[in-house]
PDB file of N, CA and C in Angstrom:
ATOM      1  N   MET A   1     222.635 120.955  14.107  1.00  0.00           N
ATOM      2  CA  MET A   1     221.194 120.955  14.284  1.00  0.00           C
ATOM      3  C   MET A   1     220.732 122.285  14.875  1.00  0.00           C
ATOM      4  N   VAL A   2     221.407 122.733  15.945  1.00  0.00           N
ATOM      5  CA  VAL A   2     221.019 123.988  16.583  1.00  0.00           C
ATOM      6  C   VAL A   2     221.300 125.151  15.639  1.00  0.00           C
ATOM      7  N   LYS A   3     222.422 125.071  14.927  1.00  0.00           N
ATOM      8  CA  LYS A   3     222.773 126.144  13.999  1.00  0.00           C
ATOM      9  C   LYS A   3     221.737 126.247  12.883  1.00  0.00           C
ATOM     10  N   ASP A   4     221.261 125.089  12.404  1.00  0.00           N
ATOM     11  CA  ASP A   4     220.252 125.070  11.349  1.00  0.00           C
ATOM     12  C   ASP A   4     218.942 125.686  11.847  1.00  0.00           C
ATOM     13  N   MET A   5     218.551 125.380  13.077  1.00  0.00           N
ATOM     14  CA  MET A   5     217.318 125.939  13.639  1.00  0.00           C
ATOM     15  C   MET A   5     217.452 127.438  13.857  1.00  0.00           C
ATOM     16  N   LEU A   6     218.631 127.884  14.291  1.00  0.00           N
ATOM     17  CA  LEU A   6     218.848 129.315  14.472  1.00  0.00           C
ATOM     18  C   LEU A   6     218.789 130.060  13.140  1.00  0.00           C
ATOM     19  N   SER A   7     219.359 129.472  12.100  1.00  0.00           N
ATOM     20  CA  SER A   7     219.323 130.136  10.794  1.00  0.00           C
ATOM     21  C   SER A   7     217.899 130.173  10.249  1.00  0.00           C
ATOM     22  N   GLN A   8     217.120 129.121  10.482  1.00  0.00           N
ATOM     23  CA  GLN A   8     215.714 129.132  10.059  1.00  0.00           C
ATOM     24  C   GLN A   8     214.913 130.167  10.855  1.00  0.00           C
ATOM     25  N   GLY A   9     215.186 130.254  12.134  1.00  0.00           N
ATOM     26  CA  GLY A   9     214.513 131.250  12.962  1.00  0.00           C
ATOM     27  C   GLY A   9     214.852 132.663  12.532  1.00  0.00           C
ATOM     28  N   PHE A  10     216.125 132.886  12.214  1.00  0.00           N
ATOM     29  CA  PHE A  10     216.544 134.211  11.759  1.00  0.00           C
ATOM     30  C   PHE A  10     215.897 134.553  10.418  1.00  0.00           C
ATOM     31  N   LEU A  11     215.816 133.566   9.518  1.00  0.00           N
ATOM     32  CA  LEU A  11     215.170 133.784   8.227  1.00  0.00           C
ATOM     33  C   LEU A  11     213.685 134.106   8.421  1.00  0.00           C
ATOM     34  N   LEU A  12     213.037 133.384   9.313  1.00  0.00           N
ATOM     35  CA  LEU A  12     211.629 133.648   9.602  1.00  0.00           C
ATOM     36  C   LEU A  12     211.451 135.043  10.195  1.00  0.00           C
ATOM     37  N   LEU A  13     212.377 135.447  11.048  1.00  0.00           N
ATOM     38  CA  LEU A  13     212.343 136.789  11.627  1.00  0.00           C
ATOM     39  C   LEU A  13     212.452 137.849  10.542  1.00  0.00           C
ATOM     40  N   ILE A  14     213.382 137.682   9.626  1.00  0.00           N
ATOM     41  CA  ILE A  14     213.589 138.655   8.550  1.00  0.00           C
ATOM     42  C   ILE A  14     212.363 138.708   7.635  1.00  0.00           C
ATOM     43  N   VAL A  15     211.836 137.556   7.266  1.00  0.00           N
ATOM     44  CA  VAL A  15     210.664 137.522   6.379  1.00  0.00           C
ATOM     45  C   VAL A  15     209.453 138.147   7.068  1.00  0.00           C
ATOM     46  N   GLY A  16     209.226 137.806   8.321  1.00  0.00           N
ATOM     47  CA  GLY A  16     208.072 138.349   9.049  1.00  0.00           C
ATOM     48  C   GLY A  16     208.161 139.847   9.246  1.00  0.00           C
ATOM     49  N   MET A  17     209.315 140.321   9.689  1.00  0.00           N
ATOM     50  CA  MET A  17     209.468 141.762   9.908  1.00  0.00           C
ATOM     51  C   MET A  17     209.453 142.522   8.587  1.00  0.00           C
ATOM     52  N   GLY A  18     209.996 141.924   7.547  1.00  0.00           N
ATOM     53  CA  GLY A  18     209.956 142.562   6.227  1.00  0.00           C
ATOM     54  C   GLY A  18     208.534 142.684   5.710  1.00  0.00           C
ATOM     55  N   THR A  19     207.735 141.641   5.936  1.00  0.00           N
ATOM     56  CA  THR A  19     206.333 141.684   5.523  1.00  0.00           C
ATOM     57  C   THR A  19     205.586 142.786   6.259  1.00  0.00           C
ATOM     58  N   VAL A  20     205.788 142.877   7.549  1.00  0.00           N
ATOM     59  CA  VAL A  20     205.121 143.915   8.342  1.00  0.00           C
ATOM     60  C   VAL A  20     205.576 145.298   7.888  1.00  0.00           C
ATOM     61  N   TYR A  21     206.855 145.478   7.655  1.00  0.00           N
ATOM     62  CA  TYR A  21     207.383 146.773   7.223  1.00  0.00           C
ATOM     63  C   TYR A  21     206.790 147.174   5.873  1.00  0.00           C
ATOM     64  N   ILE A  22     206.741 146.236   4.942  1.00  0.00           N
ATOM     65  CA  ILE A  22     206.170 146.528   3.620  1.00  0.00           C
ATOM     66  C   ILE A  22     204.692 146.874   3.744  1.00  0.00           C
ATOM     67  N   PHE A  23     203.955 146.114   4.547  1.00  0.00           N
ATOM     68  CA  PHE A  23     202.527 146.390   4.726  1.00  0.00           C
ATOM     69  C   PHE A  23     202.310 147.768   5.342  1.00  0.00           C
ATOM     70  N   LEU A  24     203.062 148.106   6.374  1.00  0.00           N
ATOM     71  CA  LEU A  24     202.887 149.406   7.020  1.00  0.00           C
ATOM     72  C   LEU A  24     203.258 150.555   6.079  1.00  0.00           C
ATOM     73  N   THR A  25     204.302 150.379   5.294  1.00  0.00           N
ATOM     74  CA  THR A  25     204.683 151.403   4.325  1.00  0.00           C
ATOM     75  C   THR A  25     203.584 151.584   3.286  1.00  0.00           C
ATOM     76  N   LEU A  26     203.054 150.483   2.791  1.00  0.00           N
ATOM     77  CA  LEU A  26     201.954 150.544   1.830  1.00  0.00           C
ATOM     78  C   LEU A  26     200.735 151.221   2.437  1.00  0.00           C
ATOM     79  N   MET A  27     200.436 150.907   3.689  1.00  0.00           N
ATOM     80  CA  MET A  27     199.286 151.501   4.360  1.00  0.00           C
ATOM     81  C   MET A  27     199.452 153.014   4.508  1.00  0.00           C
ATOM     82  N   VAL A  28     200.649 153.478   4.815  1.00  0.00           N
ATOM     83  CA  VAL A  28     200.892 154.918   4.942  1.00  0.00           C
ATOM     84  C   VAL A  28     200.633 155.610   3.611  1.00  0.00           C
ATOM     85  N   TYR A  29     201.139 155.052   2.517  1.00  0.00           N
ATOM     86  CA  TYR A  29     200.940 155.685   1.215  1.00  0.00           C
ATOM     87  C   TYR A  29     199.478 155.646   0.774  1.00  0.00           C
ATOM     88  N   VAL A  30     198.778 154.573   1.085  1.00  0.00           N
ATOM     89  CA  VAL A  30     197.348 154.511   0.757  1.00  0.00           C
ATOM     90  C   VAL A  30     196.583 155.563   1.553  1.00  0.00           C
ATOM     91  N   MET A  31     196.916 155.715   2.831  1.00  0.00           N
ATOM     92  CA  MET A  31     196.234 156.725   3.643  1.00  0.00           C
ATOM     93  C   MET A  31     196.536 158.133   3.142  1.00  0.00           C
ATOM     94  N   LEU A  32     197.750 158.396   2.721  1.00  0.00           N
ATOM     95  CA  LEU A  32     198.082 159.704   2.149  1.00  0.00           C
ATOM     96  C   LEU A  32     197.285 159.957   0.871  1.00  0.00           C
ATOM     97  N   ALA A  33     197.169 158.930   0.028  1.00  0.00           N
ATOM     98  CA  ALA A  33     196.414 159.080  -1.219  1.00  0.00           C
ATOM     99  C   ALA A  33     194.935 159.319  -0.941  1.00  0.00           C
ATOM    100  N   VAL A  34     194.381 158.599   0.018  1.00  0.00           N
ATOM    101  CA  VAL A  34     192.972 158.791   0.365  1.00  0.00           C
ATOM    102  C   VAL A  34     192.757 160.188   0.939  1.00  0.00           C
ATOM    103  N   GLY A  35     193.676 160.659   1.754  1.00  0.00           N
ATOM    104  CA  GLY A  35     193.573 162.008   2.304  1.00  0.00           C
ATOM    105  C   GLY A  35     193.587 163.064   1.210  1.00  0.00           C
ATOM    106  N   LYS A  36     194.473 162.902   0.232  1.00  0.00           N
ATOM    107  CA  LYS A  36     194.514 163.849  -0.886  1.00  0.00           C
ATOM    108  C   LYS A  36     193.221 163.795  -1.692  1.00  0.00           C
ATOM    109  N   TYR A  37     192.676 162.591  -1.856  1.00  0.00           N
ATOM    110  CA  TYR A  37     191.413 162.445  -2.591  1.00  0.00           C
ATOM    111  C   TYR A  37     190.285 163.189  -1.886  1.00  0.00           C
ATOM    112  N   PHE A  38     190.191 163.028  -0.573  1.00  0.00           N
ATOM    113  CA  PHE A  38     189.118 163.695   0.164  1.00  0.00           C
ATOM    114  C   PHE A  38     189.310 165.207   0.202  1.00  0.00           C
ATOM    115  N   ILE A  39     190.538 165.665   0.254  1.00  0.00           N
ATOM    116  CA  ILE A  39     190.780 167.110   0.220  1.00  0.00           C
ATOM    117  C   ILE A  39     190.398 167.669  -1.154  1.00  0.00           C
ATOM    118  N   LYS A  40     190.752 166.943  -2.207  1.00  0.00           N
ATOM    119  CA  LYS A  40     190.446 167.389  -3.563  1.00  0.00           C
ATOM    120  C   LYS A  40     188.938 167.407  -3.813  1.00  0.00           C
ATOM    121  N   ASN A  41     188.222 166.425  -3.310  1.00  0.00           N
ATOM    122  CA  ASN A  41     186.780 166.297  -3.538  1.00  0.00           C
ATOM    123  C   ASN A  41     185.989 166.653  -2.291  1.00  0.00           C
ATOM    124  N   GLU A  42     186.427 167.653  -1.592  1.00  0.00           N
ATOM    125  CA  GLU A  42     185.818 168.026  -0.310  1.00  0.00           C
ATOM    126  C   GLU A  42     184.346 168.383  -0.452  1.00  0.00           C
ATOM    127  N   ALA A  43     183.997 169.040  -1.537  1.00  0.00           N
ATOM    128  CA  ALA A  43     182.613 169.497  -1.714  1.00  0.00           C
ATOM    129  C   ALA A  43     181.641 168.334  -1.837  1.00  0.00           C
ATOM    130  N   ARG A  44     182.097 167.200  -2.325  1.00  0.00           N
ATOM    131  CA  ARG A  44     181.211 166.046  -2.489  1.00  0.00           C
ATOM    132  C   ARG A  44     180.834 165.407  -1.161  1.00  0.00           C
ATOM    133  N   PHE A  45     181.622 165.643  -0.137  1.00  0.00           N
ATOM    134  CA  PHE A  45     181.418 164.950   1.126  1.00  0.00           C
ATOM    135  C   PHE A  45     180.912 165.858   2.240  1.00  0.00           C
ATOM    136  N   ARG A  46     180.528 167.076   1.905  1.00  0.00           N
ATOM    137  CA  ARG A  46     179.971 167.974   2.916  1.00  0.00           C
ATOM    138  C   ARG A  46     178.555 167.544   3.240  1.00  0.00           C
ATOM    139  N   PRO A  47     178.149 167.662   4.486  1.00  0.00           N
ATOM    140  CA  PRO A  47     176.773 167.283   4.827  1.00  0.00           C
ATOM    141  C   PRO A  47     175.784 168.264   4.214  1.00  0.00           C
ATOM    142  N   VAL A  48     174.635 167.736   3.834  1.00  0.00           N
ATOM    143  CA  VAL A  48     173.589 168.559   3.238  1.00  0.00           C
ATOM    144  C   VAL A  48     172.858 169.284   4.355  1.00  0.00           C
ATOM    145  N   VAL A  49     172.740 170.600   4.206  1.00  0.00           N
ATOM    146  CA  VAL A  49     172.051 171.404   5.207  1.00  0.00           C
ATOM    147  C   VAL A  49     170.602 171.527   4.779  1.00  0.00           C
ATOM    148  N   SER A  50     169.719 171.179   5.663  1.00  0.00           N
ATOM    149  CA  SER A  50     168.296 171.235   5.354  1.00  0.00           C
ATOM    150  C   SER A  50     167.815 172.678   5.383  1.00  0.00           C
ATOM    151  N   THR A  51     167.056 173.056   4.353  1.00  0.00           N
ATOM    152  CA  THR A  51     166.503 174.405   4.289  1.00  0.00           C
ATOM    153  C   THR A  51     165.026 174.412   4.638  1.00  0.00           C
ATOM    154  N   ALA A  52     164.503 173.276   5.053  1.00  0.00           N
ATOM    155  CA  ALA A  52     163.088 173.200   5.408  1.00  0.00           C
ATOM    156  C   ALA A  52     162.839 173.980   6.690  1.00  0.00           C
ATOM    157  N   ALA A  53     161.645 174.520   6.770  1.00  0.00           N
ATOM    158  CA  ALA A  53     161.273 175.275   7.968  1.00  0.00           C
ATOM    159  C   ALA A  53     161.131 174.313   9.142  1.00  0.00           C
ATOM    160  N   PRO A  54     161.543 174.733  10.306  1.00  0.00           N
ATOM    161  CA  PRO A  54     161.404 173.845  11.464  1.00  0.00           C
ATOM    162  C   PRO A  54     159.933 173.603  11.779  1.00  0.00           C
ATOM    163  N   ARG A  55     159.661 172.403  12.230  1.00  0.00           N
ATOM    164  CA  ARG A  55     158.285 172.046  12.562  1.00  0.00           C
ATOM    165  C   ARG A  55     157.871 172.708  13.860  1.00  0.00           C
ATOM    166  N   LYS A  56     156.614 173.092  13.884  1.00  0.00           N
ATOM    167  CA  LYS A  56     156.075 173.657  15.115  1.00  0.00           C
ATOM    168  C   LYS A  56     155.725 172.501  16.047  1.00  0.00           C
ATOM    169  N   PRO A  57     155.996 172.663  17.302  1.00  0.00           N
ATOM    170  CA  PRO A  57     155.627 171.584  18.224  1.00  0.00           C
ATOM    171  C   PRO A  57     154.111 171.448  18.282  1.00  0.00           C
ATOM    172  N   THR A  58     153.660 170.214  18.196  1.00  0.00           N
ATOM    173  CA  THR A  58     152.220 169.970  18.248  1.00  0.00           C
ATOM    174  C   THR A  58     151.781 169.874  19.695  1.00  0.00           C
ATOM    175  N   ASP A  59     150.525 170.116  19.897  1.00  0.00           N
ATOM    176  CA  ASP A  59     149.968 170.051  21.249  1.00  0.00           C
ATOM    177  C   ASP A  59     149.666 168.590  21.566  1.00  0.00           C
ATOM    178  N   ASN A  60     150.568 167.952  22.267  1.00  0.00           N
ATOM    179  CA  ASN A  60     150.374 166.553  22.635  1.00  0.00           C
ATOM    180  C   ASN A  60     149.568 166.491  23.916  1.00  0.00           C
ATOM    181  N   ASN A  61     148.373 166.046  23.783  1.00  0.00           N
ATOM    182  CA  ASN A  61     147.507 165.924  24.943  1.00  0.00           C
ATOM    183  C   ASN A  61     147.650 164.503  25.470  1.00  0.00           C
ATOM    184  N   GLU A  62     148.348 164.367  26.583  1.00  0.00           N
ATOM    185  CA  GLU A  62     148.619 163.039  27.115  1.00  0.00           C
ATOM    186  C   GLU A  62     147.361 162.340  27.591  1.00  0.00           C
ATOM    187  N   SER A  63     146.391 163.089  28.058  1.00  0.00           N
ATOM    188  CA  SER A  63     145.170 162.448  28.548  1.00  0.00           C
ATOM    189  C   SER A  63     144.439 161.741  27.414  1.00  0.00           C
ATOM    190  N   GLU A  64     144.489 162.291  26.202  1.00  0.00           N
ATOM    191  CA  GLU A  64     143.865 161.621  25.062  1.00  0.00           C
ATOM    192  C   GLU A  64     144.601 160.334  24.731  1.00  0.00           C
ATOM    193  N   LEU A  65     145.928 160.365  24.803  1.00  0.00           N
ATOM    194  CA  LEU A  65     146.710 159.158  24.534  1.00  0.00           C
ATOM    195  C   LEU A  65     146.443 158.087  25.582  1.00  0.00           C
ATOM    196  N   ILE A  66     146.348 158.492  26.828  1.00  0.00           N
ATOM    197  CA  ILE A  66     146.071 157.533  27.904  1.00  0.00           C
ATOM    198  C   ILE A  66     144.686 156.946  27.727  1.00  0.00           C
ATOM    199  N   ALA A  67     143.717 157.784  27.374  1.00  0.00           N
ATOM    200  CA  ALA A  67     142.352 157.297  27.165  1.00  0.00           C
ATOM    201  C   ALA A  67     142.307 156.312  26.009  1.00  0.00           C
ATOM    202  N   ALA A  68     143.030 156.583  24.947  1.00  0.00           N
ATOM    203  CA  ALA A  68     143.056 155.671  23.807  1.00  0.00           C
ATOM    204  C   ALA A  68     143.704 154.346  24.190  1.00  0.00           C
ATOM    205  N   ALA A  69     144.774 154.393  24.968  1.00  0.00           N
ATOM    206  CA  ALA A  69     145.438 153.165  25.397  1.00  0.00           C
ATOM    207  C   ALA A  69     144.538 152.350  26.306  1.00  0.00           C
ATOM    208  N   VAL A  70     143.854 153.009  27.238  1.00  0.00           N
ATOM    209  CA  VAL A  70     142.936 152.300  28.142  1.00  0.00           C
ATOM    210  C   VAL A  70     141.797 151.687  27.348  1.00  0.00           C
ATOM    211  N   ALA A  71     141.265 152.416  26.364  1.00  0.00           N
ATOM    212  CA  ALA A  71     140.179 151.885  25.544  1.00  0.00           C
ATOM    213  C   ALA A  71     140.642 150.673  24.750  1.00  0.00           C
ATOM    214  N   ALA A  72     141.861 150.709  24.235  1.00  0.00           N
ATOM    215  CA  ALA A  72     142.378 149.576  23.474  1.00  0.00           C
ATOM    216  C   ALA A  72     142.569 148.358  24.362  1.00  0.00           C
ATOM    217  N   VAL A  73     143.090 148.565  25.559  1.00  0.00           N
ATOM    218  CA  VAL A  73     143.282 147.440  26.489  1.00  0.00           C
ATOM    219  C   VAL A  73     141.940 146.869  26.909  1.00  0.00           C
ATOM    220  N   THR A  74     140.978 147.738  27.186  1.00  0.00           N
ATOM    221  CA  THR A  74     139.647 147.284  27.598  1.00  0.00           C
ATOM    222  C   THR A  74     138.980 146.502  26.475  1.00  0.00           C
ATOM    223  N   ALA A  75     139.081 146.996  25.243  1.00  0.00           N
ATOM    224  CA  ALA A  75     138.475 146.297  24.111  1.00  0.00           C
ATOM    225  C   ALA A  75     139.144 144.949  23.893  1.00  0.00           C
ATOM    226  N   HIS A  76     140.443 144.882  24.087  1.00  0.00           N
ATOM    227  CA  HIS A  76     141.153 143.618  23.906  1.00  0.00           C
ATOM    228  C   HIS A  76     140.796 142.630  25.018  1.00  0.00           C
ATOM    229  N   ALA A  77     140.602 143.131  26.220  1.00  0.00           N
ATOM    230  CA  ALA A  77     140.284 142.253  27.352  1.00  0.00           C
ATOM    231  C   ALA A  77     138.874 141.686  27.237  1.00  0.00           C
ATOM    232  N   ARG A  78     137.955 142.366  26.584  1.00  0.00           N
ATOM    233  CA  ARG A  78     136.565 141.907  26.451  1.00  0.00           C
ATOM    234  C   ARG A  78     136.413 140.815  25.407  1.00  0.00           C
ATOM    235  N   LYS A  79     137.384 140.587  24.579  1.00  0.00           N
ATOM    236  CA  LYS A  79     137.274 139.576  23.513  1.00  0.00           C
ATOM    237  C   LYS A  79     137.204 138.195  24.060  1.00  0.00           C
TER     238      LYS A  79
END
């Protein structure tokens, strides 16, 4: 009985470790293939550089924004 359980445990160990080894080996080769693909097609994955002129900062007048917010709150409160 004990010998049978040990042999089943050993078989499970071999199958489990073999599965992990095969998966890791496959993963290494897939990663190598993907790396070669990206190196070969490097130009397709470069970020696009914008050639637009930079925007000029606008004159943000905070007092106008505050006045608009106060007017909106006041108008809403009067309803």
